[in-house]
Protein backbone atom coordinates (compact mmCIF):
# COMPACT_ATOMS: atom_id res chain seq x y z
CA ARG A 1 -11.94 17.00 -2.96
CA ALA A 2 -8.58 16.25 -4.18
CA LEU A 3 -7.72 20.20 -3.90
CA ALA A 4 -9.46 20.53 -0.67
CA GLU A 5 -7.07 17.45 0.73
CA ARG A 6 -4.19 19.19 -0.84
CA ALA A 7 -4.81 22.32 0.84
CA ARG A 8 -4.86 20.38 3.91
CA GLY A 9 -1.16 19.39 3.15
CA VAL A 10 -1.70 15.80 2.04
CA PRO A 11 1.12 14.54 -0.04
CA ALA A 12 -0.11 14.66 -3.42
CA GLN A 13 0.95 10.90 -4.09
CA TYR A 14 -1.80 9.97 -1.44
CA ILE A 15 -4.12 11.70 -3.04
CA THR A 16 -3.55 9.92 -6.48
CA GLY A 17 -2.60 6.76 -5.04
CA HIS A 18 0.46 6.77 -7.08
CA GLN A 19 4.24 7.46 -6.92
CA GLU A 20 6.70 6.47 -9.54
CA PHE A 21 10.19 5.01 -8.46
CA TRP A 22 12.80 3.32 -10.67
CA GLY A 23 10.59 4.12 -13.68
CA ILE A 24 7.92 1.78 -12.34
CA ASP A 25 4.14 3.26 -11.13
CA PHE A 26 3.61 2.26 -7.47
CA ILE A 27 0.47 2.08 -5.62
CA VAL A 28 1.01 4.02 -2.29
CA SER A 29 -1.33 4.94 0.58
CA PRO A 30 -0.90 6.66 3.85
CA ALA A 31 -0.11 2.91 5.22
CA VAL A 32 3.66 3.27 3.68
CA LEU A 33 6.25 5.82 3.09
CA ILE A 34 6.68 7.45 -0.27
CA PRO A 35 9.23 6.26 -2.17
CA ARG A 36 11.77 8.92 -2.99
CA PRO A 37 14.19 9.47 -5.67
CA GLU A 38 17.16 9.16 -2.96
CA THR A 39 16.46 5.50 -2.41
CA GLU A 40 17.15 4.68 -5.96
CA HIS A 41 20.76 5.20 -5.06
CA VAL A 42 20.23 2.07 -3.00
CA ILE A 43 19.06 -0.23 -6.10
CA GLU A 44 22.24 1.48 -8.13
CA THR A 45 24.64 0.02 -5.10
CA VAL A 46 22.90 -3.44 -5.21
CA LEU A 47 22.95 -4.12 -8.99
CA PRO A 48 26.57 -4.41 -10.01
CA LEU A 49 27.14 -6.35 -6.61
CA ALA A 50 23.99 -8.90 -7.30
CA ARG A 51 24.67 -9.26 -11.33
CA ALA A 52 28.22 -10.93 -10.17
CA MET A 53 26.45 -13.48 -8.65
CA GLN A 54 24.28 -16.31 -10.41
CA ASN A 55 21.34 -16.68 -8.39
CA PRO A 56 21.65 -14.02 -5.17
CA ARG A 57 19.05 -14.41 -2.51
CA ILE A 58 18.09 -10.97 -1.14
CA ALA A 59 15.93 -9.38 1.93
CA ASP A 60 14.57 -6.10 1.49
CA VAL A 61 13.91 -5.34 5.51
CA GLY A 62 10.90 -2.69 5.91
CA THR A 63 9.60 -3.06 2.63
CA GLY A 64 6.75 -0.32 2.65
CA SER A 65 5.10 0.04 -0.64
CA GLY A 66 7.58 -2.95 -1.91
CA CYS A 67 9.78 -0.17 -3.88
CA ILE A 68 12.93 -1.89 -3.31
CA ALA A 69 11.92 -5.07 -3.47
CA LEU A 70 10.15 -5.09 -6.53
CA ALA A 71 12.77 -2.78 -8.37
CA LEU A 72 15.41 -5.46 -7.84
CA ALA A 73 12.88 -8.21 -8.77
CA LYS A 74 12.50 -6.62 -11.81
CA GLU A 75 16.19 -5.99 -12.72
CA LEU A 76 17.32 -9.39 -11.17
CA PRO A 77 15.42 -12.16 -12.92
CA THR A 78 17.34 -15.02 -10.92
CA ALA A 79 17.27 -13.70 -7.61
CA GLU A 80 15.74 -14.88 -4.80
CA ILE A 81 13.72 -12.03 -3.03
CA HIS A 82 12.39 -11.57 0.38
CA ALA A 83 10.55 -8.83 1.80
CA THR A 84 9.68 -7.97 5.49
CA ASP A 85 7.34 -5.43 7.30
CA PHE A 86 6.18 -5.43 10.90
CA SER A 87 3.00 -3.55 9.27
CA THR A 88 -0.11 -5.75 7.79
CA ALA A 89 -1.28 -2.74 6.07
CA ALA A 90 2.11 -1.73 4.38
CA LEU A 91 2.26 -5.54 3.30
CA ASP A 92 -1.19 -5.31 1.68
CA VAL A 93 0.35 -2.39 -0.56
CA ALA A 94 3.41 -4.08 -1.22
CA ARG A 95 1.59 -7.47 -2.19
CA ALA A 96 -0.94 -5.44 -4.30
CA ASN A 97 2.14 -3.58 -6.22
CA ALA A 98 3.82 -7.12 -7.00
CA VAL A 99 0.41 -8.50 -8.21
CA ARG A 100 -0.38 -5.20 -10.51
CA LEU A 101 3.37 -5.57 -11.54
CA GLN A 102 2.97 -9.20 -12.24
CA LEU A 103 6.19 -9.67 -9.99
CA ALA A 104 3.99 -11.76 -7.25
CA HIS A 105 5.72 -14.87 -7.93
CA ARG A 106 9.02 -13.23 -7.65
CA VAL A 107 9.01 -11.91 -4.16
CA ARG A 108 8.02 -13.62 -0.95
CA PHE A 109 6.44 -11.35 1.77
CA HIS A 110 7.08 -11.72 5.62
CA GLU A 111 4.85 -9.94 8.46
CA ALA A 112 8.29 -9.90 10.65
CA ASP A 113 10.05 -7.22 13.07
CA LEU A 114 13.49 -6.84 10.92
CA LEU A 115 15.14 -10.11 9.92
CA GLN A 116 13.11 -12.05 12.27
CA GLY A 117 12.55 -15.98 10.82
CA PHE A 118 15.53 -15.80 8.84
CA ALA A 119 18.22 -18.81 9.25
CA PRO A 120 21.94 -18.19 10.06
CA ASN A 121 24.08 -17.73 6.95
CA SER A 122 20.95 -17.77 4.39
CA LEU A 123 21.29 -14.66 2.23
CA ASP A 124 23.61 -12.77 0.08
CA PHE A 125 22.05 -9.25 0.54
CA VAL A 126 20.37 -7.41 3.28
CA VAL A 127 18.81 -4.36 2.13
CA SER A 128 16.95 -1.73 3.59
CA ASN A 129 15.78 1.91 4.12
CA PRO A 130 15.23 1.85 7.55
CA PRO A 131 13.77 4.51 9.77
CA TYR A 132 17.04 6.77 10.35
CA VAL A 133 15.61 9.96 11.77
CA GLY A 134 16.27 11.27 15.26
CA GLU A 135 13.06 12.62 17.54
CA SER A 136 15.29 15.48 18.17
CA GLU A 137 15.22 16.38 14.73
CA GLU A 138 11.70 16.40 14.11
CA ASP A 139 11.49 19.89 13.60
CA GLN A 140 13.73 19.68 10.44
CA VAL A 141 11.60 17.56 8.82
CA GLN A 142 9.02 18.92 6.35
CA LEU A 143 5.99 19.19 7.91
CA GLU A 144 3.38 17.23 5.75
CA VAL A 145 6.10 14.24 5.71
CA ARG A 146 5.80 14.15 9.85
CA LYS A 147 2.18 14.98 9.69
CA PHE A 148 1.12 12.21 7.17
CA GLU A 149 3.30 9.86 6.46
CA PRO A 150 3.60 6.69 8.79
CA ARG A 151 5.87 7.88 11.93
CA SER A 152 7.46 4.58 12.18
CA ALA A 153 9.09 4.57 8.72
CA ILE A 154 10.51 7.94 9.46
CA PHE A 155 11.37 8.13 13.11
CA ALA A 156 13.87 5.36 14.72
CA GLY A 157 14.08 7.02 18.17
CA PRO A 158 15.49 9.53 19.96
CA THR A 159 19.09 9.50 17.93
CA GLY A 160 17.86 8.04 14.77
CA LEU A 161 20.11 5.02 15.24
CA GLU A 162 17.78 2.74 17.18
CA VAL A 163 16.57 0.59 14.43
CA ILE A 164 20.33 0.49 12.83
CA GLU A 165 21.60 -0.71 15.82
CA LEU A 166 19.32 -3.60 15.85
CA LEU A 167 19.54 -4.43 11.96
CA ILE A 168 23.34 -4.30 11.69
CA PRO A 169 23.88 -7.42 14.06
CA GLN A 170 20.83 -9.19 12.55
CA ALA A 171 22.26 -8.79 9.00
CA HIS A 172 25.51 -9.90 10.75
CA THR A 173 23.89 -13.48 11.36
CA VAL A 174 21.93 -14.32 8.66
CA LEU A 175 24.33 -13.09 5.62
CA VAL A 176 26.51 -15.73 4.27
CA PRO A 177 30.47 -14.68 4.54
CA GLY A 178 30.83 -12.48 2.22
CA GLY A 179 27.37 -11.38 2.24
CA TRP A 180 26.69 -7.40 1.76
CA LEU A 181 24.54 -5.12 4.00
CA ILE A 182 23.21 -2.11 2.17
CA MET A 183 21.26 0.39 3.95
CA GLU A 184 20.02 4.16 2.93
CA THR A 185 20.97 6.61 5.48
CA SER A 186 21.43 10.55 6.18
CA GLY A 187 24.44 12.81 6.37
CA THR A 188 23.11 13.23 9.97
CA ILE A 189 23.99 9.67 11.30
CA ALA A 190 26.22 8.53 8.54
CA GLN A 191 29.56 8.50 10.73
CA ARG A 192 27.85 7.01 13.45
CA VAL A 193 26.42 4.41 11.56
CA LEU A 194 30.26 3.60 10.33
CA GLY A 195 31.16 3.33 14.08
CA LEU A 196 28.73 0.49 14.08
CA LEU A 197 30.35 -1.61 11.39
CA THR A 198 33.80 -1.99 12.90
CA ASN A 199 33.63 -6.09 12.32
CA TRP A 200 32.73 -5.70 8.86
CA GLY A 201 34.72 -5.32 5.76
CA ARG A 202 34.61 -2.72 2.46
CA VAL A 203 32.75 -0.37 4.20
CA GLN A 204 31.35 2.62 2.18
CA VAL A 205 29.34 5.74 2.13
CA GLY A 206 27.79 6.56 -1.15
CA ALA A 207 26.65 10.20 -1.86
CA ASP A 208 23.40 11.37 -3.53
CA LEU A 209 23.20 13.75 -6.21
CA GLN A 210 23.22 16.58 -3.83
CA GLY A 211 26.43 15.11 -2.33
CA LEU A 212 24.99 14.02 0.99
CA PRO A 213 26.08 10.57 2.43
CA ARG A 214 23.08 8.30 1.49
CA VAL A 215 23.94 5.08 0.95
CA VAL A 216 26.22 2.68 3.57
CA SER A 217 27.35 -0.30 2.23
CA ALA A 218 29.43 -3.18 4.25
CA ARG A 219 30.54 -6.70 3.58
CA LYS A 220 30.78 -9.61 5.99
CA PRO A 221 34.45 -10.96 6.33
CA GLU A 222 34.43 -14.15 4.60
CA PHE A 223 36.93 -15.61 7.32
CA SER A 224 36.48 -14.98 11.05
CA VAL A 225 39.33 -13.29 12.73
CA LYS A 226 40.75 -14.87 15.93
């Protein structure tokens, strides 16, 4: 049966129900995007900044399998970590991973659209691997990805910027002055994302192991500019 599923193009991770990320074994299902090595660069960007704080407050937006939130919970024992997703099925997977990894007491899960429900100036970090592929790029996406992985976790809309355009101003509201927004992106839209961060400071783009733009980080200014 497994061979037949694989021959049909079903990703091996959905057949086995598992995928490794950040040295952790995660349960995955077709309800969630399969965690990828490139997303580990998000963790690498967050950790040195968060470790400089005593009790960082972090929200992982669009948590999916929970891989980012739970990797951060493992690495940052004093952090307050929240994970949001609008998909009930995805949150079920994330919660199952939290219980299985004995981290359920460390992460608070929220069924919400992006940062809905968070108070202004309440977070130190907003972290996300949002949908960032444009529908116009669909033919460039691997067939088994677009056929079997959740479309809402991959495609943002016609340009690929639609979710990020909503996330950036919401993050600016909920972050404390000096707080950080850290997002996975792609070389296709990285420059356009930077164009949306004009009222942020310390804007940077980190590359992945192939040298492609992968992680955008930006800091909310500590003082408003009049």
